[in-house]
């Protein structure tokens, strides 16, 4: 992957910040999170495949949130470096 320019980093940061503040997007992530929790509560002891599937979904949601925060933080760093 090619190194991003400062402008690309700042654009990505703005888009990530917009998504993190978007009520619809955050609502969807929260709904998925609630479904994961509900599914986890219904898994019986010993249902390893089901547990792994729920865990994988949780990892995915966490990865999306983490990546958006990283993009926002990278933008803040790039902005400070430009000053």
PDB file of N, CA and C in Angstrom:
ATOM      1  N   UNK A   1       0.840  -1.174   0.000  1.00  0.00           N
ATOM      2  CA  UNK A   1       0.000   0.000   0.000  1.00  0.00           C
ATOM      3  C   UNK A   1       0.887   1.240   0.000  1.00  0.00           C
ATOM      4  N   UNK A   2       0.573   2.171  -0.848  1.00  0.00           N
ATOM      5  CA  UNK A   2       1.350   3.404  -0.966  1.00  0.00           C
ATOM      6  C   UNK A   2       1.099   4.293   0.251  1.00  0.00           C
ATOM      7  N   UNK A   3       2.122   5.052   0.593  1.00  0.00           N
ATOM      8  CA  UNK A   3       2.001   5.971   1.711  1.00  0.00           C
ATOM      9  C   UNK A   3       1.006   7.073   1.352  1.00  0.00           C
ATOM     10  N   UNK A   4       0.138   7.398   2.313  1.00  0.00           N
ATOM     11  CA  UNK A   4      -0.868   8.428   2.075  1.00  0.00           C
ATOM     12  C   UNK A   4      -0.269   9.809   2.215  1.00  0.00           C
ATOM     13  N   UNK A   5      -0.812  10.714   1.432  1.00  0.00           N
ATOM     14  CA  UNK A   5      -0.414  12.112   1.569  1.00  0.00           C
ATOM     15  C   UNK A   5      -1.130  12.708   2.782  1.00  0.00           C
ATOM     16  N   UNK A   6      -0.640  13.866   3.217  1.00  0.00           N
ATOM     17  CA  UNK A   6      -1.276  14.551   4.341  1.00  0.00           C
ATOM     18  C   UNK A   6      -2.741  14.850   4.023  1.00  0.00           C
ATOM     19  N   UNK A   7      -3.006  15.237   2.797  1.00  0.00           N
ATOM     20  CA  UNK A   7      -4.373  15.549   2.390  1.00  0.00           C
ATOM     21  C   UNK A   7      -5.261  14.303   2.468  1.00  0.00           C
ATOM     22  N   UNK A   8      -4.741  13.154   2.057  1.00  0.00           N
ATOM     23  CA  UNK A   8      -5.509  11.916   2.134  1.00  0.00           C
ATOM     24  C   UNK A   8      -5.780  11.527   3.584  1.00  0.00           C
ATOM     25  N   UNK A   9      -4.777  11.688   4.422  1.00  0.00           N
ATOM     26  CA  UNK A   9      -4.946  11.371   5.843  1.00  0.00           C
ATOM     27  C   UNK A   9      -6.016  12.260   6.458  1.00  0.00           C
ATOM     28  N   UNK A  10      -5.972  13.544   6.150  1.00  0.00           N
ATOM     29  CA  UNK A  10      -6.960  14.479   6.695  1.00  0.00           C
ATOM     30  C   UNK A  10      -8.358  14.190   6.156  1.00  0.00           C
ATOM     31  N   UNK A  11      -8.458  13.849   4.873  1.00  0.00           N
ATOM     32  CA  UNK A  11      -9.757  13.502   4.297  1.00  0.00           C
ATOM     33  C   UNK A  11     -10.323  12.253   4.966  1.00  0.00           C
ATOM     34  N   UNK A  12      -9.481  11.231   5.124  1.00  0.00           N
ATOM     35  CA  UNK A  12      -9.920  10.000   5.776  1.00  0.00           C
ATOM     36  C   UNK A  12     -10.355  10.272   7.215  1.00  0.00           C
ATOM     37  N   UNK A  13      -9.626  11.144   7.891  1.00  0.00           N
ATOM     38  CA  UNK A  13      -9.965  11.492   9.273  1.00  0.00           C
ATOM     39  C   UNK A  13     -11.319  12.182   9.340  1.00  0.00           C
ATOM     40  N   UNK A  14     -11.573  13.095   8.402  1.00  0.00           N
ATOM     41  CA  UNK A  14     -12.872  13.781   8.381  1.00  0.00           C
ATOM     42  C   UNK A  14     -14.010  12.803   8.122  1.00  0.00           C
ATOM     43  N   UNK A  15     -13.801  11.886   7.190  1.00  0.00           N
ATOM     44  CA  UNK A  15     -14.838  10.894   6.875  1.00  0.00           C
ATOM     45  C   UNK A  15     -15.075   9.955   8.053  1.00  0.00           C
ATOM     46  N   UNK A  16     -13.994   9.547   8.703  1.00  0.00           N
ATOM     47  CA  UNK A  16     -14.127   8.667   9.870  1.00  0.00           C
ATOM     48  C   UNK A  16     -14.869   9.389  10.990  1.00  0.00           C
ATOM     49  N   UNK A  17     -14.527  10.651  11.211  1.00  0.00           N
ATOM     50  CA  UNK A  17     -15.209  11.436  12.244  1.00  0.00           C
ATOM     51  C   UNK A  17     -16.688  11.596  11.905  1.00  0.00           C
ATOM     52  N   UNK A  18     -16.979  11.817  10.647  1.00  0.00           N
ATOM     53  CA  UNK A  18     -18.381  11.942  10.227  1.00  0.00           C
ATOM     54  C   UNK A  18     -19.146  10.656  10.537  1.00  0.00           C
ATOM     55  N   UNK A  19     -18.537   9.509  10.229  1.00  0.00           N
ATOM     56  CA  UNK A  19     -19.195   8.228  10.503  1.00  0.00           C
ATOM     57  C   UNK A  19     -19.395   8.000  11.996  1.00  0.00           C
ATOM     58  N   UNK A  20     -18.391   8.353  12.788  1.00  0.00           N
ATOM     59  CA  UNK A  20     -18.504   8.163  14.230  1.00  0.00           C
ATOM     60  C   UNK A  20     -19.578   9.044  14.857  1.00  0.00           C
ATOM     61  N   UNK A  21     -19.916  10.133  14.183  1.00  0.00           N
ATOM     62  CA  UNK A  21     -20.964  11.029  14.676  1.00  0.00           C
ATOM     63  C   UNK A  21     -22.318  10.775  14.008  1.00  0.00           C
ATOM     64  N   UNK A  22     -22.340   9.948  12.965  1.00  0.00           N
ATOM     65  CA  UNK A  22     -23.577   9.680  12.232  1.00  0.00           C
ATOM     66  C   UNK A  22     -24.494   8.781  13.063  1.00  0.00           C
ATOM     67  N   UNK A  23     -25.646   9.307  13.444  1.00  0.00           N
ATOM     68  CA  UNK A  23     -26.574   8.563  14.298  1.00  0.00           C
ATOM     69  C   UNK A  23     -27.043   7.261  13.654  1.00  0.00           C
ATOM     70  N   UNK A  24     -27.249   7.270  12.351  1.00  0.00           N
ATOM     71  CA  UNK A  24     -27.689   6.068  11.664  1.00  0.00           C
ATOM     72  C   UNK A  24     -26.630   4.988  11.688  1.00  0.00           C
ATOM     73  N   UNK A  25     -25.400   5.354  11.384  1.00  0.00           N
ATOM     74  CA  UNK A  25     -24.306   4.395  11.369  1.00  0.00           C
ATOM     75  C   UNK A  25     -24.034   3.850  12.772  1.00  0.00           C
ATOM     76  N   UNK A  26     -23.957   4.752  13.751  1.00  0.00           N
ATOM     77  CA  UNK A  26     -23.729   4.333  15.128  1.00  0.00           C
ATOM     78  C   UNK A  26     -24.886   3.453  15.603  1.00  0.00           C
ATOM     79  N   UNK A  27     -26.099   3.793  15.191  1.00  0.00           N
ATOM     80  CA  UNK A  27     -27.255   2.983  15.561  1.00  0.00           C
ATOM     81  C   UNK A  27     -27.164   1.566  15.018  1.00  0.00           C
ATOM     82  N   UNK A  28     -26.721   1.448  13.775  1.00  0.00           N
ATOM     83  CA  UNK A  28     -26.555   0.116  13.177  1.00  0.00           C
ATOM     84  C   UNK A  28     -25.495  -0.679  13.935  1.00  0.00           C
ATOM     85  N   UNK A  29     -24.369  -0.053  14.239  1.00  0.00           N
ATOM     86  CA  UNK A  29     -23.331  -0.747  15.008  1.00  0.00           C
ATOM     87  C   UNK A  29     -23.854  -1.172  16.381  1.00  0.00           C
ATOM     88  N   UNK A  30     -24.627  -0.303  17.015  1.00  0.00           N
ATOM     89  CA  UNK A  30     -25.193  -0.641  18.319  1.00  0.00           C
ATOM     90  C   UNK A  30     -26.200  -1.785  18.215  1.00  0.00           C
ATOM     91  N   UNK A  31     -26.985  -1.808  17.148  1.00  0.00           N
ATOM     92  CA  UNK A  31     -27.925  -2.914  16.936  1.00  0.00           C
ATOM     93  C   UNK A  31     -27.181  -4.231  16.742  1.00  0.00           C
ATOM     94  N   UNK A  32     -26.131  -4.202  15.954  1.00  0.00           N
ATOM     95  CA  UNK A  32     -25.318  -5.399  15.753  1.00  0.00           C
ATOM     96  C   UNK A  32     -24.720  -5.834  17.079  1.00  0.00           C
ATOM     97  N   UNK A  33     -24.219  -4.884  17.852  1.00  0.00           N
ATOM     98  CA  UNK A  33     -23.644  -5.185  19.163  1.00  0.00           C
ATOM     99  C   UNK A  33     -24.684  -5.851  20.062  1.00  0.00           C
ATOM    100  N   UNK A  34     -25.899  -5.344  20.050  1.00  0.00           N
ATOM    101  CA  UNK A  34     -26.962  -5.924  20.873  1.00  0.00           C
ATOM    102  C   UNK A  34     -27.312  -7.336  20.402  1.00  0.00           C
ATOM    103  N   UNK A  35     -27.356  -7.550  19.089  1.00  0.00           N
ATOM    104  CA  UNK A  35     -27.614  -8.886  18.557  1.00  0.00           C
ATOM    105  C   UNK A  35     -26.531  -9.872  18.989  1.00  0.00           C
ATOM    106  N   UNK A  36     -25.290  -9.416  18.955  1.00  0.00           N
ATOM    107  CA  UNK A  36     -24.172 -10.257  19.384  1.00  0.00           C
ATOM    108  C   UNK A  36     -24.356 -10.641  20.848  1.00  0.00           C
ATOM    109  N   UNK A  37     -24.698  -9.661  21.674  1.00  0.00           N
ATOM    110  CA  UNK A  37     -24.899  -9.923  23.095  1.00  0.00           C
ATOM    111  C   UNK A  37     -26.058 -10.902  23.306  1.00  0.00           C
ATOM    112  N   UNK A  38     -27.153 -10.668  22.596  1.00  0.00           N
ATOM    113  CA  UNK A  38     -28.316 -11.552  22.727  1.00  0.00           C
ATOM    114  C   UNK A  38     -27.962 -12.979  22.293  1.00  0.00           C
ATOM    115  N   UNK A  39     -27.244 -13.092  21.180  1.00  0.00           N
ATOM    116  CA  UNK A  39     -26.834 -14.417  20.699  1.00  0.00           C
ATOM    117  C   UNK A  39     -25.907 -15.099  21.696  1.00  0.00           C
ATOM    118  N   UNK A  40     -24.998 -14.336  22.265  1.00  0.00           N
ATOM    119  CA  UNK A  40     -24.073 -14.898  23.249  1.00  0.00           C
ATOM    120  C   UNK A  40     -24.831 -15.473  24.439  1.00  0.00           C
ATOM    121  N   UNK A  41     -25.845 -14.760  24.887  1.00  0.00           N
ATOM    122  CA  UNK A  41     -26.619 -15.211  26.048  1.00  0.00           C
ATOM    123  C   UNK A  41     -27.397 -16.488  25.772  1.00  0.00           C
ATOM    124  N   UNK A  42     -27.717 -16.757  24.503  1.00  0.00           N
ATOM    125  CA  UNK A  42     -28.520 -17.934  24.181  1.00  0.00           C
ATOM    126  C   UNK A  42     -27.692 -19.163  23.827  1.00  0.00           C
ATOM    127  N   UNK A  43     -26.395 -18.989  23.715  1.00  0.00           N
ATOM    128  CA  UNK A  43     -25.531 -20.121  23.365  1.00  0.00           C
ATOM    129  C   UNK A  43     -25.403 -21.044  24.575  1.00  0.00           C
ATOM    130  N   UNK A  44     -25.630 -22.307  24.331  1.00  0.00           N
ATOM    131  CA  UNK A  44     -25.521 -23.300  25.400  1.00  0.00           C
ATOM    132  C   UNK A  44     -24.072 -23.691  25.610  1.00  0.00           C
ATOM    133  N   UNK A  45     -23.791 -24.142  26.810  1.00  0.00           N
ATOM    134  CA  UNK A  45     -22.460 -24.604  27.154  1.00  0.00           C
ATOM    135  C   UNK A  45     -22.054 -25.726  26.204  1.00  0.00           C
ATOM    136  N   UNK A  46     -20.886 -25.607  25.627  1.00  0.00           N
ATOM    137  CA  UNK A  46     -20.380 -26.629  24.724  1.00  0.00           C
ATOM    138  C   UNK A  46     -20.610 -26.359  23.252  1.00  0.00           C
ATOM    139  N   UNK A  47     -21.369 -25.320  22.910  1.00  0.00           N
ATOM    140  CA  UNK A  47     -21.622 -24.975  21.511  1.00  0.00           C
ATOM    141  C   UNK A  47     -20.470 -24.104  20.995  1.00  0.00           C
ATOM    142  N   UNK A  48     -19.360 -24.742  20.776  1.00  0.00           N
ATOM    143  CA  UNK A  48     -18.122 -24.047  20.420  1.00  0.00           C
ATOM    144  C   UNK A  48     -18.235 -23.314  19.088  1.00  0.00           C
ATOM    145  N   UNK A  49     -18.791 -23.954  18.068  1.00  0.00           N
ATOM    146  CA  UNK A  49     -18.895 -23.311  16.754  1.00  0.00           C
ATOM    147  C   UNK A  49     -19.746 -22.052  16.817  1.00  0.00           C
ATOM    148  N   UNK A  50     -20.849 -22.112  17.548  1.00  0.00           N
ATOM    149  CA  UNK A  50     -21.714 -20.946  17.686  1.00  0.00           C
ATOM    150  C   UNK A  50     -21.009 -19.832  18.452  1.00  0.00           C
ATOM    151  N   UNK A  51     -20.288 -20.212  19.493  1.00  0.00           N
ATOM    152  CA  UNK A  51     -19.550 -19.237  20.278  1.00  0.00           C
ATOM    153  C   UNK A  51     -18.474 -18.555  19.436  1.00  0.00           C
ATOM    154  N   UNK A  52     -17.770 -19.332  18.635  1.00  0.00           N
ATOM    155  CA  UNK A  52     -16.742 -18.760  17.765  1.00  0.00           C
ATOM    156  C   UNK A  52     -17.351 -17.816  16.730  1.00  0.00           C
ATOM    157  N   UNK A  53     -18.516 -18.159  16.218  1.00  0.00           N
ATOM    158  CA  UNK A  53     -19.179 -17.295  15.236  1.00  0.00           C
ATOM    159  C   UNK A  53     -19.560 -15.955  15.868  1.00  0.00           C
ATOM    160  N   UNK A  54     -20.102 -15.998  17.069  1.00  0.00           N
ATOM    161  CA  UNK A  54     -20.476 -14.768  17.768  1.00  0.00           C
ATOM    162  C   UNK A  54     -19.225 -13.951  18.093  1.00  0.00           C
ATOM    163  N   UNK A  55     -18.186 -14.629  18.538  1.00  0.00           N
ATOM    164  CA  UNK A  55     -16.935 -13.938  18.849  1.00  0.00           C
ATOM    165  C   UNK A  55     -16.360 -13.272  17.598  1.00  0.00           C
ATOM    166  N   UNK A  56     -16.446 -13.940  16.472  1.00  0.00           N
ATOM    167  CA  UNK A  56     -15.943 -13.370  15.216  1.00  0.00           C
ATOM    168  C   UNK A  56     -16.710 -12.113  14.833  1.00  0.00           C
ATOM    169  N   UNK A  57     -18.013 -12.139  15.023  1.00  0.00           N
ATOM    170  CA  UNK A  57     -18.808 -10.938  14.730  1.00  0.00           C
ATOM    171  C   UNK A  57     -18.403  -9.794  15.651  1.00  0.00           C
ATOM    172  N   UNK A  58     -18.153 -10.096  16.915  1.00  0.00           N
ATOM    173  CA  UNK A  58     -17.734  -9.067  17.862  1.00  0.00           C
ATOM    174  C   UNK A  58     -16.389  -8.480  17.459  1.00  0.00           C
ATOM    175  N   UNK A  59     -15.471  -9.336  17.060  1.00  0.00           N
ATOM    176  CA  UNK A  59     -14.158  -8.867  16.613  1.00  0.00           C
ATOM    177  C   UNK A  59     -14.319  -7.931  15.415  1.00  0.00           C
ATOM    178  N   UNK A  60     -15.218  -8.251  14.512  1.00  0.00           N
ATOM    179  CA  UNK A  60     -15.447  -7.409  13.339  1.00  0.00           C
ATOM    180  C   UNK A  60     -15.973  -6.035  13.709  1.00  0.00           C
ATOM    181  N   UNK A  61     -16.953  -5.984  14.589  1.00  0.00           N
ATOM    182  CA  UNK A  61     -17.510  -4.697  15.026  1.00  0.00           C
ATOM    183  C   UNK A  61     -16.434  -3.880  15.736  1.00  0.00           C
ATOM    184  N   UNK A  62     -15.680  -4.529  16.611  1.00  0.00           N
ATOM    185  CA  UNK A  62     -14.606  -3.825  17.311  1.00  0.00           C
ATOM    186  C   UNK A  62     -13.559  -3.295  16.326  1.00  0.00           C
ATOM    187  N   UNK A  63     -13.257  -4.078  15.289  1.00  0.00           N
ATOM    188  CA  UNK A  63     -12.258  -3.659  14.294  1.00  0.00           C
ATOM    189  C   UNK A  63     -12.713  -2.426  13.534  1.00  0.00           C
ATOM    190  N   UNK A  64     -13.989  -2.356  13.202  1.00  0.00           N
ATOM    191  CA  UNK A  64     -14.517  -1.181  12.494  1.00  0.00           C
ATOM    192  C   UNK A  64     -14.399   0.056  13.376  1.00  0.00           C
ATOM    193  N   UNK A  65     -14.856  -0.068  14.608  1.00  0.00           N
ATOM    194  CA  UNK A  65     -14.776   1.076  15.521  1.00  0.00           C
ATOM    195  C   UNK A  65     -13.325   1.509  15.758  1.00  0.00           C
ATOM    196  N   UNK A  66     -12.440   0.542  15.972  1.00  0.00           N
ATOM    197  CA  UNK A  66     -11.025   0.840  16.221  1.00  0.00           C
ATOM    198  C   UNK A  66     -10.391   1.527  15.016  1.00  0.00           C
ATOM    199  N   UNK A  67     -10.687   1.026  13.816  1.00  0.00           N
ATOM    200  CA  UNK A  67     -10.090   1.616  12.604  1.00  0.00           C
ATOM    201  C   UNK A  67     -10.548   3.052  12.406  1.00  0.00           C
ATOM    202  N   UNK A  68     -11.820   3.329  12.669  1.00  0.00           N
ATOM    203  CA  UNK A  68     -12.317   4.697  12.537  1.00  0.00           C
ATOM    204  C   UNK A  68     -11.627   5.617  13.535  1.00  0.00           C
ATOM    205  N   UNK A  69     -11.447   5.155  14.769  1.00  0.00           N
ATOM    206  CA  UNK A  69     -10.748   5.980  15.767  1.00  0.00           C
ATOM    207  C   UNK A  69      -9.304   6.216  15.366  1.00  0.00           C
ATOM    208  N   UNK A  70      -8.652   5.196  14.824  1.00  0.00           N
ATOM    209  CA  UNK A  70      -7.263   5.347  14.375  1.00  0.00           C
ATOM    210  C   UNK A  70      -7.167   6.394  13.267  1.00  0.00           C
ATOM    211  N   UNK A  71      -8.117   6.357  12.334  1.00  0.00           N
ATOM    212  CA  UNK A  71      -8.113   7.339  11.250  1.00  0.00           C
ATOM    213  C   UNK A  71      -8.273   8.755  11.789  1.00  0.00           C
ATOM    214  N   UNK A  72      -9.164   8.929  12.760  1.00  0.00           N
ATOM    215  CA  UNK A  72      -9.371  10.247  13.359  1.00  0.00           C
ATOM    216  C   UNK A  72      -8.099  10.702  14.069  1.00  0.00           C
ATOM    217  N   UNK A  73      -7.486   9.803  14.835  1.00  0.00           N
ATOM    218  CA  UNK A  73      -6.259  10.153  15.553  1.00  0.00           C
ATOM    219  C   UNK A  73      -5.113  10.465  14.592  1.00  0.00           C
ATOM    220  N   UNK A  74      -5.014   9.723  13.503  1.00  0.00           N
ATOM    221  CA  UNK A  74      -3.977   9.990  12.505  1.00  0.00           C
ATOM    222  C   UNK A  74      -4.161  11.371  11.898  1.00  0.00           C
ATOM    223  N   UNK A  75      -5.399  11.747  11.676  1.00  0.00           N
ATOM    224  CA  UNK A  75      -5.685  13.076  11.150  1.00  0.00           C
ATOM    225  C   UNK A  75      -5.282  14.170  12.124  1.00  0.00           C
ATOM    226  N   UNK A  76      -5.530  13.934  13.405  1.00  0.00           N
ATOM    227  CA  UNK A  76      -5.149  14.923  14.417  1.00  0.00           C
ATOM    228  C   UNK A  76      -3.634  15.075  14.463  1.00  0.00           C
ATOM    229  N   UNK A  77      -2.929  13.967  14.369  1.00  0.00           N
ATOM    230  CA  UNK A  77      -1.461  14.016  14.379  1.00  0.00           C
ATOM    231  C   UNK A  77      -0.956  14.759  13.132  1.00  0.00           C
ATOM    232  N   UNK A  78      -1.524  14.448  11.978  1.00  0.00           N
ATOM    233  CA  UNK A  78      -1.094  15.096  10.728  1.00  0.00           C
ATOM    234  C   UNK A  78      -1.384  16.588  10.771  1.00  0.00           C
ATOM    235  N   UNK A  79      -2.494  16.964  11.368  1.00  0.00           N
ATOM    236  CA  UNK A  79      -2.851  18.371  11.461  1.00  0.00           C
ATOM    237  C   UNK A  79      -1.882  19.119  12.388  1.00  0.00           C
ATOM    238  N   UNK A  80      -1.534  18.497  13.514  1.00  0.00           N
ATOM    239  CA  UNK A  80      -0.587  19.127  14.430  1.00  0.00           C
ATOM    240  C   UNK A  80       0.797  19.235  13.803  1.00  0.00           C
ATOM    241  N   UNK A  81       1.183  18.236  13.044  1.00  0.00           N
ATOM    242  CA  UNK A  81       2.502  18.239  12.403  1.00  0.00           C
ATOM    243  C   UNK A  81       2.599  19.346  11.345  1.00  0.00           C
ATOM    244  N   UNK A  82       1.462  19.709  10.761  1.00  0.00           N
ATOM    245  CA  UNK A  82       1.458  20.724   9.715  1.00  0.00           C
ATOM    246  C   UNK A  82       1.585  22.130  10.299  1.00  0.00           C
ATOM    247  N   UNK A  83       1.333  22.278  11.580  1.00  0.00           N
ATOM    248  CA  UNK A  83       1.374  23.621  12.197  1.00  0.00           C
ATOM    249  C   UNK A  83       2.753  24.023  12.589  1.00  0.00           C
TER     250      UNK A  83
END
